[in-house]
C-alpha atoms as a PDB file:
ATOM      1  CA  UNK A   1       9.300 218.657 221.935  1.00  0.00           C
ATOM      2  CA  UNK A   2       8.516 215.053 221.013  1.00  0.00           C
ATOM      3  CA  UNK A   3       6.855 214.455 217.676  1.00  0.00           C
ATOM      4  CA  UNK A   4       3.532 213.353 219.088  1.00  0.00           C
ATOM      5  CA  UNK A   5       3.462 216.480 221.295  1.00  0.00           C
ATOM      6  CA  UNK A   6       3.802 218.906 218.361  1.00  0.00           C
ATOM      7  CA  UNK A   7       0.875 221.254 218.846  1.00  0.00           C
ATOM      8  CA  UNK A   8      -1.488 221.812 215.914  1.00  0.00           C
ATOM      9  CA  UNK A   9      -2.116 225.154 214.262  1.00  0.00           C
ATOM     10  CA  UNK A  10      -5.717 226.360 214.415  1.00  0.00           C
ATOM     11  CA  UNK A  11      -7.045 228.824 211.832  1.00  0.00           C
ATOM     12  CA  UNK A  12      -3.607 229.795 210.479  1.00  0.00           C
ATOM     13  CA  UNK A  13      -3.407 232.755 208.121  1.00  0.00           C
ATOM     14  CA  UNK A  14      -2.213 232.055 204.584  1.00  0.00           C
ATOM     15  CA  UNK A  15       0.405 232.340 203.305  1.00  0.00           C
ATOM     16  CA  UNK A  16       1.556 230.078 206.128  1.00  0.00           C
ATOM     17  CA  UNK A  17       4.986 228.588 206.793  1.00  0.00           C
ATOM     18  CA  UNK A  18       6.266 226.767 209.883  1.00  0.00           C
ATOM     19  CA  UNK A  19       9.168 224.525 210.858  1.00  0.00           C
ATOM     20  CA  UNK A  20       8.455 220.846 211.522  1.00  0.00           C
ATOM     21  CA  UNK A  21      10.355 220.214 214.780  1.00  0.00           C
ATOM     22  CA  UNK A  22      12.614 217.208 214.302  1.00  0.00           C
ATOM     23  CA  UNK A  23      11.751 216.997 210.605  1.00  0.00           C
ATOM     24  CA  UNK A  24       9.819 214.189 208.960  1.00  0.00           C
ATOM     25  CA  UNK A  25       9.940 210.605 210.191  1.00  0.00           C
ATOM     26  CA  UNK A  26       8.489 207.385 208.858  1.00  0.00           C
ATOM     27  CA  UNK A  27       4.968 206.963 210.219  1.00  0.00           C
ATOM     28  CA  UNK A  28       4.310 210.655 210.654  1.00  0.00           C
ATOM     29  CA  UNK A  29       0.913 211.918 209.520  1.00  0.00           C
ATOM     30  CA  UNK A  30       0.158 215.507 208.582  1.00  0.00           C
ATOM     31  CA  UNK A  31      -3.507 216.511 208.558  1.00  0.00           C
ATOM     32  CA  UNK A  32      -4.760 219.709 206.937  1.00  0.00           C
ATOM     33  CA  UNK A  33      -8.407 220.699 207.310  1.00  0.00           C
ATOM     34  CA  UNK A  34     -10.081 223.731 205.834  1.00  0.00           C
ATOM     35  CA  UNK A  35     -12.361 225.153 203.183  1.00  0.00           C
ATOM     36  CA  UNK A  36     -11.600 225.933 199.558  1.00  0.00           C
ATOM     37  CA  UNK A  37     -12.717 229.468 198.717  1.00  0.00           C
ATOM     38  CA  UNK A  38     -15.703 229.640 196.336  1.00  0.00           C
ATOM     39  CA  UNK A  39     -13.735 231.490 193.641  1.00  0.00           C
ATOM     40  CA  UNK A  40     -10.472 229.584 194.092  1.00  0.00           C
ATOM     41  CA  UNK A  41      -8.172 229.098 191.121  1.00  0.00           C
ATOM     42  CA  UNK A  42      -5.557 227.098 193.073  1.00  0.00           C
ATOM     43  CA  UNK A  43      -3.905 226.503 196.426  1.00  0.00           C
ATOM     44  CA  UNK A  44      -0.873 224.552 197.560  1.00  0.00           C
ATOM     45  CA  UNK A  45       0.584 222.584 200.444  1.00  0.00           C
ATOM     46  CA  UNK A  46       4.375 222.191 200.315  1.00  0.00           C
ATOM     47  CA  UNK A  47       6.825 220.139 202.360  1.00  0.00           C
ATOM     48  CA  UNK A  48      10.143 221.933 202.072  1.00  0.00           C
ATOM     49  CA  UNK A  49      13.822 222.191 202.888  1.00  0.00           C
ATOM     50  CA  UNK A  50      14.810 225.849 202.580  1.00  0.00           C
ATOM     51  CA  UNK A  51      13.760 226.822 199.015  1.00  0.00           C
ATOM     52  CA  UNK A  52      13.617 223.234 197.784  1.00  0.00           C
ATOM     53  CA  UNK A  53      10.274 221.433 197.802  1.00  0.00           C
ATOM     54  CA  UNK A  54      10.060 217.717 198.542  1.00  0.00           C
ATOM     55  CA  UNK A  55       6.294 217.548 197.943  1.00  0.00           C
ATOM     56  CA  UNK A  56       4.269 220.183 196.110  1.00  0.00           C
ATOM     57  CA  UNK A  57       0.556 219.339 196.397  1.00  0.00           C
ATOM     58  CA  UNK A  58      -1.325 221.805 194.234  1.00  0.00           C
ATOM     59  CA  UNK A  59      -5.094 221.666 193.541  1.00  0.00           C
ATOM     60  CA  UNK A  60      -5.915 223.711 190.424  1.00  0.00           C
ATOM     61  CA  UNK A  61      -9.402 224.621 189.244  1.00  0.00           C
ATOM     62  CA  UNK A  62      -8.916 225.332 185.561  1.00  0.00           C
ATOM     63  CA  UNK A  63      -9.554 222.614 182.954  1.00  0.00           C
ATOM     64  CA  UNK A  64     -12.198 220.974 185.122  1.00  0.00           C
ATOM     65  CA  UNK A  65     -10.069 220.738 188.262  1.00  0.00           C
ATOM     66  CA  UNK A  66      -7.061 218.515 188.936  1.00  0.00           C
ATOM     67  CA  UNK A  67      -4.178 218.000 191.381  1.00  0.00           C
ATOM     68  CA  UNK A  68      -0.512 218.638 190.547  1.00  0.00           C
ATOM     69  CA  UNK A  69       2.182 216.719 192.439  1.00  0.00           C
ATOM     70  CA  UNK A  70       5.780 217.818 191.970  1.00  0.00           C
ATOM     71  CA  UNK A  71       9.107 218.636 193.625  1.00  0.00           C
ATOM     72  CA  UNK A  72      11.729 221.355 193.233  1.00  0.00           C
ATOM     73  CA  UNK A  73      15.357 220.360 193.763  1.00  0.00           C
ATOM     74  CA  UNK A  74      18.258 222.801 193.540  1.00  0.00           C
ATOM     75  CA  UNK A  75      15.834 225.420 192.281  1.00  0.00           C
ATOM     76  CA  UNK A  76      14.550 223.305 189.373  1.00  0.00           C
ATOM     77  CA  UNK A  77      11.018 221.924 189.151  1.00  0.00           C
ATOM     78  CA  UNK A  78      10.742 218.244 188.292  1.00  0.00           C
ATOM     79  CA  UNK A  79       8.198 216.358 186.233  1.00  0.00           C
ATOM     80  CA  UNK A  80       4.595 216.953 187.234  1.00  0.00           C
ATOM     81  CA  UNK A  81       2.418 214.043 188.281  1.00  0.00           C
ATOM     82  CA  UNK A  82      -1.201 215.067 187.749  1.00  0.00           C
ATOM     83  CA  UNK A  83      -4.447 213.471 188.824  1.00  0.00           C
ATOM     84  CA  UNK A  84      -8.061 214.376 188.047  1.00  0.00           C
ATOM     85  CA  UNK A  85     -10.733 215.072 189.042  1.00  0.00           C
ATOM     86  CA  UNK A  86      -9.989 217.105 192.135  1.00  0.00           C
ATOM     87  CA  UNK A  87     -11.483 215.707 195.368  1.00  0.00           C
ATOM     88  CA  UNK A  88     -11.692 219.242 196.812  1.00  0.00           C
ATOM     89  CA  UNK A  89     -14.530 221.224 195.134  1.00  0.00           C
ATOM     90  CA  UNK A  90     -14.641 224.998 195.391  1.00  0.00           C
ATOM     91  CA  UNK A  91     -16.472 226.267 198.457  1.00  0.00           C
ATOM     92  CA  UNK A  92     -16.360 222.913 200.280  1.00  0.00           C
ATOM     93  CA  UNK A  93     -14.769 221.694 203.489  1.00  0.00           C
ATOM     94  CA  UNK A  94     -11.885 219.287 202.976  1.00  0.00           C
ATOM     95  CA  UNK A  95      -9.463 217.061 204.865  1.00  0.00           C
ATOM     96  CA  UNK A  96      -6.042 216.333 203.385  1.00  0.00           C
ATOM     97  CA  UNK A  97      -3.752 213.773 205.000  1.00  0.00           C
ATOM     98  CA  UNK A  98      -0.155 213.021 204.124  1.00  0.00           C
ATOM     99  CA  UNK A  99       1.327 209.824 205.529  1.00  0.00           C
ATOM    100  CA  UNK A 100       5.120 209.616 205.418  1.00  0.00           C
ATOM    101  CA  UNK A 101       6.533 206.192 204.518  1.00  0.00           C
ATOM    102  CA  UNK A 102      10.101 205.153 203.746  1.00  0.00           C
ATOM    103  CA  UNK A 103       9.452 205.187 200.002  1.00  0.00           C
ATOM    104  CA  UNK A 104       6.727 207.771 199.425  1.00  0.00           C
ATOM    105  CA  UNK A 105       4.042 210.154 200.603  1.00  0.00           C
ATOM    106  CA  UNK A 106       0.637 208.460 200.696  1.00  0.00           C
ATOM    107  CA  UNK A 107      -2.061 211.059 200.285  1.00  0.00           C
ATOM    108  CA  UNK A 108      -5.657 210.771 201.418  1.00  0.00           C
ATOM    109  CA  UNK A 109      -8.481 213.149 200.479  1.00  0.00           C
ATOM    110  CA  UNK A 110     -11.564 213.355 202.685  1.00  0.00           C
ATOM    111  CA  UNK A 111     -10.753 210.010 204.256  1.00  0.00           C
ATOM    112  CA  UNK A 112     -10.159 208.090 201.037  1.00  0.00           C
ATOM    113  CA  UNK A 113      -6.804 207.094 199.488  1.00  0.00           C
ATOM    114  CA  UNK A 114      -6.089 209.490 196.626  1.00  0.00           C
ATOM    115  CA  UNK A 115      -2.484 209.373 195.424  1.00  0.00           C
ATOM    116  CA  UNK A 116       1.100 208.392 196.145  1.00  0.00           C
ATOM    117  CA  UNK A 117       4.211 210.458 195.436  1.00  0.00           C
ATOM    118  CA  UNK A 118       7.608 208.755 195.541  1.00  0.00           C
ATOM    119  CA  UNK A 119      10.370 210.520 197.442  1.00  0.00           C
ATOM    120  CA  UNK A 120      12.664 212.674 195.309  1.00  0.00           C
ATOM    121  CA  UNK A 121      14.365 214.179 198.367  1.00  0.00           C
ATOM    122  CA  UNK A 122      15.387 212.229 201.501  1.00  0.00           C
ATOM    123  CA  UNK A 123      12.514 212.604 203.941  1.00  0.00           C
ATOM    124  CA  UNK A 124      14.950 213.436 206.742  1.00  0.00           C
ATOM    125  CA  UNK A 125      15.866 216.655 204.893  1.00  0.00           C
ATOM    126  CA  UNK A 126      12.307 217.991 205.065  1.00  0.00           C
ATOM    127  CA  UNK A 127      11.877 220.437 207.938  1.00  0.00           C
ATOM    128  CA  UNK A 128       9.160 222.911 206.944  1.00  0.00           C
ATOM    129  CA  UNK A 129       5.501 222.981 205.864  1.00  0.00           C
ATOM    130  CA  UNK A 130       4.033 225.867 203.867  1.00  0.00           C
ATOM    131  CA  UNK A 131       0.554 226.637 202.576  1.00  0.00           C
ATOM    132  CA  UNK A 132      -0.722 229.370 200.271  1.00  0.00           C
ATOM    133  CA  UNK A 133      -3.451 230.190 197.790  1.00  0.00           C
ATOM    134  CA  UNK A 134      -7.221 230.543 197.819  1.00  0.00           C
ATOM    135  CA  UNK A 135      -7.986 228.417 200.838  1.00  0.00           C
ATOM    136  CA  UNK A 136      -8.996 228.975 204.454  1.00  0.00           C
ATOM    137  CA  UNK A 137      -7.260 226.350 206.627  1.00  0.00           C
ATOM    138  CA  UNK A 138      -8.800 225.568 210.014  1.00  0.00           C
ATOM    139  CA  UNK A 139      -6.277 222.998 211.251  1.00  0.00           C
ATOM    140  CA  UNK A 140      -2.763 221.765 210.516  1.00  0.00           C
ATOM    141  CA  UNK A 141      -1.847 218.861 212.802  1.00  0.00           C
ATOM    142  CA  UNK A 142       1.063 216.446 213.134  1.00  0.00           C
ATOM    143  CA  UNK A 143       0.722 212.946 214.568  1.00  0.00           C
ATOM    144  CA  UNK A 144       2.770 209.784 214.714  1.00  0.00           C
ATOM    145  CA  UNK A 145       0.732 206.754 213.674  1.00  0.00           C
ATOM    146  CA  UNK A 146       0.930 203.537 215.654  1.00  0.00           C
ATOM    147  CA  UNK A 147      -0.041 200.451 213.702  1.00  0.00           C
ATOM    148  CA  UNK A 148      -0.985 198.019 216.487  1.00  0.00           C
ATOM    149  CA  UNK A 149      -4.725 197.698 217.006  1.00  0.00           C
ATOM    150  CA  UNK A 150      -5.873 196.670 220.458  1.00  0.00           C
ATOM    151  CA  UNK A 151      -8.984 194.942 221.701  1.00  0.00           C
ATOM    152  CA  UNK A 152     -11.750 197.471 222.327  1.00  0.00           C
ATOM    153  CA  UNK A 153     -12.522 197.333 226.065  1.00  0.00           C
ATOM    154  CA  UNK A 154     -15.390 198.441 228.205  1.00  0.00           C
ATOM    155  CA  UNK A 155     -19.083 199.045 227.822  1.00  0.00           C
ATOM    156  CA  UNK A 156     -21.316 202.078 227.727  1.00  0.00           C
ATOM    157  CA  UNK A 157     -23.295 202.724 230.930  1.00  0.00           C
ATOM    158  CA  UNK A 158     -27.021 202.291 230.896  1.00  0.00           C
ATOM    159  CA  UNK A 159     -29.348 205.155 231.625  1.00  0.00           C
ATOM    160  CA  UNK A 160     -29.486 208.707 230.458  1.00  0.00           C
ATOM    161  CA  UNK A 161     -27.968 210.455 228.525  1.00  0.00           C
ATOM    162  CA  UNK A 162     -27.146 207.728 225.947  1.00  0.00           C
ATOM    163  CA  UNK A 163     -29.757 205.422 224.477  1.00  0.00           C
ATOM    164  CA  UNK A 164     -28.281 201.954 224.494  1.00  0.00           C
ATOM    165  CA  UNK A 165     -27.719 200.233 221.144  1.00  0.00           C
ATOM    166  CA  UNK A 166     -25.475 197.340 220.162  1.00  0.00           C
ATOM    167  CA  UNK A 167     -22.050 198.429 218.961  1.00  0.00           C
ATOM    168  CA  UNK A 168     -20.275 197.302 215.865  1.00  0.00           C
ATOM    169  CA  UNK A 169     -16.543 197.714 216.319  1.00  0.00           C
ATOM    170  CA  UNK A 170     -14.809 199.364 213.381  1.00  0.00           C
ATOM    171  CA  UNK A 171     -11.020 199.327 213.860  1.00  0.00           C
ATOM    172  CA  UNK A 172      -9.813 202.500 212.206  1.00  0.00           C
ATOM    173  CA  UNK A 173      -6.399 203.782 211.282  1.00  0.00           C
ATOM    174  CA  UNK A 174      -5.597 207.089 209.658  1.00  0.00           C
ATOM    175  CA  UNK A 175      -5.115 206.836 205.888  1.00  0.00           C
ATOM    176  CA  UNK A 176      -6.911 203.485 205.696  1.00  0.00           C
ATOM    177  CA  UNK A 177     -10.394 204.630 206.615  1.00  0.00           C
ATOM    178  CA  UNK A 178     -13.449 202.965 205.118  1.00  0.00           C
ATOM    179  CA  UNK A 179     -17.171 203.588 205.469  1.00  0.00           C
ATOM    180  CA  UNK A 180     -18.093 204.049 209.127  1.00  0.00           C
ATOM    181  CA  UNK A 181     -21.148 202.320 210.502  1.00  0.00           C
ATOM    182  CA  UNK A 182     -23.246 203.905 213.233  1.00  0.00           C
ATOM    183  CA  UNK A 183     -22.858 203.055 216.085  1.00  0.00           C
ATOM    184  CA  UNK A 184     -19.123 203.517 215.477  1.00  0.00           C
ATOM    185  CA  UNK A 185     -16.332 202.513 217.823  1.00  0.00           C
ATOM    186  CA  UNK A 186     -12.563 202.710 217.410  1.00  0.00           C
ATOM    187  CA  UNK A 187      -9.423 202.378 219.473  1.00  0.00           C
ATOM    188  CA  UNK A 188      -7.374 205.516 220.141  1.00  0.00           C
ATOM    189  CA  UNK A 189      -4.017 203.822 219.934  1.00  0.00           C
ATOM    190  CA  UNK A 190      -1.873 204.679 222.937  1.00  0.00           C
ATOM    191  CA  UNK A 191      -4.726 206.629 224.526  1.00  0.00           C
ATOM    192  CA  UNK A 192      -5.101 210.376 224.712  1.00  0.00           C
ATOM    193  CA  UNK A 193      -2.269 212.784 225.394  1.00  0.00           C
ATOM    194  CA  UNK A 194      -1.761 216.511 225.345  1.00  0.00           C
ATOM    195  CA  UNK A 195      -1.661 217.574 221.708  1.00  0.00           C
ATOM    196  CA  UNK A 196      -3.866 214.738 220.427  1.00  0.00           C
ATOM    197  CA  UNK A 197      -6.363 215.732 217.733  1.00  0.00           C
ATOM    198  CA  UNK A 198      -9.559 213.834 216.868  1.00  0.00           C
ATOM    199  CA  UNK A 199     -11.443 214.756 213.680  1.00  0.00           C
ATOM    200  CA  UNK A 200     -15.018 213.753 212.837  1.00  0.00           C
ATOM    201  CA  UNK A 201     -16.755 214.741 209.601  1.00  0.00           C
ATOM    202  CA  UNK A 202     -20.198 214.035 208.241  1.00  0.00           C
ATOM    203  CA  UNK A 203     -23.760 215.305 208.115  1.00  0.00           C
ATOM    204  CA  UNK A 204     -25.914 215.405 211.234  1.00  0.00           C
ATOM    205  CA  UNK A 205     -29.666 214.796 211.127  1.00  0.00           C
ATOM    206  CA  UNK A 206     -32.506 216.023 213.396  1.00  0.00           C
ATOM    207  CA  UNK A 207     -32.101 213.428 216.162  1.00  0.00           C
ATOM    208  CA  UNK A 208     -28.588 214.669 216.921  1.00  0.00           C
ATOM    209  CA  UNK A 209     -25.278 212.970 217.646  1.00  0.00           C
ATOM    210  CA  UNK A 210     -23.340 211.698 220.662  1.00  0.00           C
ATOM    211  CA  UNK A 211     -19.550 211.503 220.949  1.00  0.00           C
ATOM    212  CA  UNK A 212     -17.907 209.526 223.764  1.00  0.00           C
ATOM    213  CA  UNK A 213     -14.242 209.473 224.768  1.00  0.00           C
ATOM    214  CA  UNK A 214     -13.989 206.702 227.296  1.00  0.00           C
ATOM    215  CA  UNK A 215     -11.809 204.405 229.336  1.00  0.00           C
ATOM    216  CA  UNK A 216     -12.470 200.947 230.780  1.00  0.00           C
ATOM    217  CA  UNK A 217     -14.754 202.063 233.594  1.00  0.00           C
ATOM    218  CA  UNK A 218     -16.197 205.377 232.503  1.00  0.00           C
ATOM    219  CA  UNK A 219     -16.609 208.212 230.035  1.00  0.00           C
ATOM    220  CA  UNK A 220     -14.061 211.007 230.262  1.00  0.00           C
ATOM    221  CA  UNK A 221     -15.833 213.285 227.792  1.00  0.00           C
ATOM    222  CA  UNK A 222     -19.374 213.201 226.421  1.00  0.00           C
ATOM    223  CA  UNK A 223     -20.398 215.680 223.710  1.00  0.00           C
ATOM    224  CA  UNK A 224     -23.992 215.882 222.473  1.00  0.00           C
ATOM    225  CA  UNK A 225     -25.654 218.485 220.211  1.00  0.00           C
ATOM    226  CA  UNK A 226     -29.406 218.377 220.939  1.00  0.00           C
ATOM    227  CA  UNK A 227     -31.561 220.106 218.380  1.00  0.00           C
ATOM    228  CA  UNK A 228     -34.824 219.636 220.280  1.00  0.00           C
ATOM    229  CA  UNK A 229     -33.382 221.793 223.081  1.00  0.00           C
ATOM    230  CA  UNK A 230     -31.053 223.859 220.850  1.00  0.00           C
ATOM    231  CA  UNK A 231     -28.115 223.219 223.200  1.00  0.00           C
ATOM    232  CA  UNK A 232     -24.849 221.302 223.349  1.00  0.00           C
ATOM    233  CA  UNK A 233     -24.382 219.117 226.445  1.00  0.00           C
ATOM    234  CA  UNK A 234     -20.980 218.021 227.794  1.00  0.00           C
ATOM    235  CA  UNK A 235     -20.501 215.635 230.710  1.00  0.00           C
ATOM    236  CA  UNK A 236     -18.499 212.760 232.227  1.00  0.00           C
ATOM    237  CA  UNK A 237     -19.470 209.372 233.674  1.00  0.00           C
ATOM    238  CA  UNK A 238     -17.339 208.168 236.586  1.00  0.00           C
ATOM    239  CA  UNK A 239     -17.885 205.648 239.399  1.00  0.00           C
ATOM    240  CA  UNK A 240     -21.241 204.642 237.956  1.00  0.00           C
ATOM    241  CA  UNK A 241     -22.655 208.164 238.018  1.00  0.00           C
ATOM    242  CA  UNK A 242     -23.133 210.938 235.479  1.00  0.00           C
ATOM    243  CA  UNK A 243     -21.614 214.230 236.609  1.00  0.00           C
ATOM    244  CA  UNK A 244     -23.020 217.734 236.390  1.00  0.00           C
ATOM    245  CA  UNK A 245     -23.926 218.655 232.840  1.00  0.00           C
ATOM    246  CA  UNK A 246     -22.253 221.622 231.219  1.00  0.00           C
ATOM    247  CA  UNK A 247     -24.867 223.101 228.911  1.00  0.00           C
ATOM    248  CA  UNK A 248     -23.987 225.511 226.109  1.00  0.00           C
ATOM    249  CA  UNK A 249     -26.778 227.498 224.522  1.00  0.00           C
ATOM    250  CA  UNK A 250     -24.626 228.251 221.496  1.00  0.00           C
ATOM    251  CA  UNK A 251     -25.580 225.705 218.815  1.00  0.00           C
ATOM    252  CA  UNK A 252     -22.870 225.843 216.128  1.00  0.00           C
ATOM    253  CA  UNK A 253     -24.178 222.855 214.137  1.00  0.00           C
ATOM    254  CA  UNK A 254     -26.860 222.943 211.448  1.00  0.00           C
ATOM    255  CA  UNK A 255     -29.061 220.018 210.497  1.00  0.00           C
ATOM    256  CA  UNK A 256     -28.233 218.552 207.105  1.00  0.00           C
ATOM    257  CA  UNK A 257     -25.099 220.661 206.570  1.00  0.00           C
ATOM    258  CA  UNK A 258     -21.514 219.336 206.211  1.00  0.00           C
ATOM    259  CA  UNK A 259     -19.946 219.113 209.648  1.00  0.00           C
ATOM    260  CA  UNK A 260     -16.363 218.971 210.875  1.00  0.00           C
ATOM    261  CA  UNK A 261     -15.845 218.493 214.618  1.00  0.00           C
ATOM    262  CA  UNK A 262     -12.263 218.705 215.876  1.00  0.00           C
ATOM    263  CA  UNK A 263     -11.492 217.762 219.480  1.00  0.00           C
ATOM    264  CA  UNK A 264      -8.092 218.947 220.702  1.00  0.00           C
ATOM    265  CA  UNK A 265      -6.829 217.444 223.968  1.00  0.00           C
ATOM    266  CA  UNK A 266      -4.725 219.911 225.966  1.00  0.00           C
ATOM    267  CA  UNK A 267      -3.211 219.727 229.445  1.00  0.00           C
ATOM    268  CA  UNK A 268      -6.260 221.542 230.816  1.00  0.00           C
ATOM    269  CA  UNK A 269      -9.094 219.850 228.960  1.00  0.00           C
ATOM    270  CA  UNK A 270     -10.836 219.416 225.622  1.00  0.00           C
ATOM    271  CA  UNK A 271     -11.157 222.227 223.109  1.00  0.00           C
ATOM    272  CA  UNK A 272     -13.901 221.631 220.558  1.00  0.00           C
ATOM    273  CA  UNK A 273     -13.850 223.275 217.137  1.00  0.00           C
ATOM    274  CA  UNK A 274     -16.819 223.113 214.757  1.00  0.00           C
ATOM    275  CA  UNK A 275     -16.067 223.879 211.104  1.00  0.00           C
ATOM    276  CA  UNK A 276     -12.832 225.550 212.162  1.00  0.00           C
ATOM    277  CA  UNK A 277     -14.281 227.787 214.885  1.00  0.00           C
ATOM    278  CA  UNK A 278     -13.674 227.124 218.586  1.00  0.00           C
ATOM    279  CA  UNK A 279     -17.042 226.607 220.246  1.00  0.00           C
ATOM    280  CA  UNK A 280     -16.593 224.766 223.552  1.00  0.00           C
ATOM    281  CA  UNK A 281     -13.996 224.100 226.259  1.00  0.00           C
ATOM    282  CA  UNK A 282     -14.373 221.286 228.800  1.00  0.00           C
ATOM    283  CA  UNK A 283     -11.931 220.821 231.697  1.00  0.00           C
ATOM    284  CA  UNK A 284     -10.571 217.354 232.431  1.00  0.00           C
ATOM    285  CA  UNK A 285     -12.468 215.445 235.107  1.00  0.00           C
ATOM    286  CA  UNK A 286     -10.535 212.243 234.409  1.00  0.00           C
ATOM    287  CA  UNK A 287      -6.839 213.030 234.215  1.00  0.00           C
ATOM    288  CA  UNK A 288      -5.249 209.658 233.366  1.00  0.00           C
ATOM    289  CA  UNK A 289      -5.293 210.580 229.697  1.00  0.00           C
ATOM    290  CA  UNK A 290      -3.444 207.502 228.415  1.00  0.00           C
ATOM    291  CA  UNK A 291      -6.279 205.327 229.787  1.00  0.00           C
ATOM    292  CA  UNK A 292      -8.834 207.132 227.593  1.00  0.00           C
ATOM    293  CA  UNK A 293      -8.498 204.905 224.548  1.00  0.00           C
ATOM    294  CA  UNK A 294     -11.900 204.456 222.879  1.00  0.00           C
ATOM    295  CA  UNK A 295     -13.842 206.793 220.582  1.00  0.00           C
ATOM    296  CA  UNK A 296     -17.588 206.109 220.219  1.00  0.00           C
ATOM    297  CA  UNK A 297     -19.944 207.956 217.903  1.00  0.00           C
ATOM    298  CA  UNK A 298     -23.680 207.331 217.870  1.00  0.00           C
ATOM    299  CA  UNK A 299     -26.902 208.959 216.830  1.00  0.00           C
ATOM    300  CA  UNK A 300     -28.526 210.332 213.702  1.00  0.00           C
ATOM    301  CA  UNK A 301     -25.363 211.131 211.746  1.00  0.00           C
ATOM    302  CA  UNK A 302     -23.838 210.108 208.424  1.00  0.00           C
ATOM    303  CA  UNK A 303     -20.065 209.891 208.857  1.00  0.00           C
ATOM    304  CA  UNK A 304     -17.769 210.656 205.943  1.00  0.00           C
ATOM    305  CA  UNK A 305     -14.405 210.721 207.752  1.00  0.00           C
ATOM    306  CA  UNK A 306     -13.015 209.884 211.199  1.00  0.00           C
ATOM    307  CA  UNK A 307      -9.493 210.320 212.546  1.00  0.00           C
ATOM    308  CA  UNK A 308      -9.439 208.797 216.062  1.00  0.00           C
END
């Protein structure tokens, strides 16, 4: 299986351990989403080779909370590199990202650069990821980051369901994310593909939110929680016409509460997870996935993190 086709793990049980097919490569990004348990004392994410640990990322909650970075080579722990305060409070949702470079692991916490850990083991030796401790992971995903940003094409169709507003393009790349402005628009580099994961975090307000995955001439997937109707609406816009709405009466999103929406693109369609729980499935109506290369987010939402 090619690196970018490595399927994510949803709601894995801890302790968790899995091979990384093909091992680590420069430009690979590992994303871990979840929730720290309210009474947590510590948890860990380890990148390993057999019993040796190339990166030990270990949030601890004694002494005010801090993060331990370390490695274990030939059975011996190295010198700890600690950083405080912890960016992952007890009881809160979190997103951890590890970007693999030739010289180090660049670590991002909740969309903001947090730390860097220089390689003590050749990255090509690392072939396993493990996770344990007082944490409830909802997603572990692997992606290969492209660094070329393209011109954002296309426009949003007029008429219902979206209310037209001017866009402000915000080119976005994992690990270098800054404050997102609504309306938000970003390139999905290389377009969608089976195994692609999109993550959106923030707080949604009473007027709701709209998410668009689109191509040059249409919208492949439209996702809209509507609090006035207490429903979630999914649809597509092709050949100048909105399709039949798929309406879900299950409303998994609460006004004013921290929100994590994960959209997983499979061969069959889009699987939507809200705060780690699968809530909606939408079959592909537009099947040229690589042409779906723009993520739009609009509405009454305060974004804290986006991985397009």
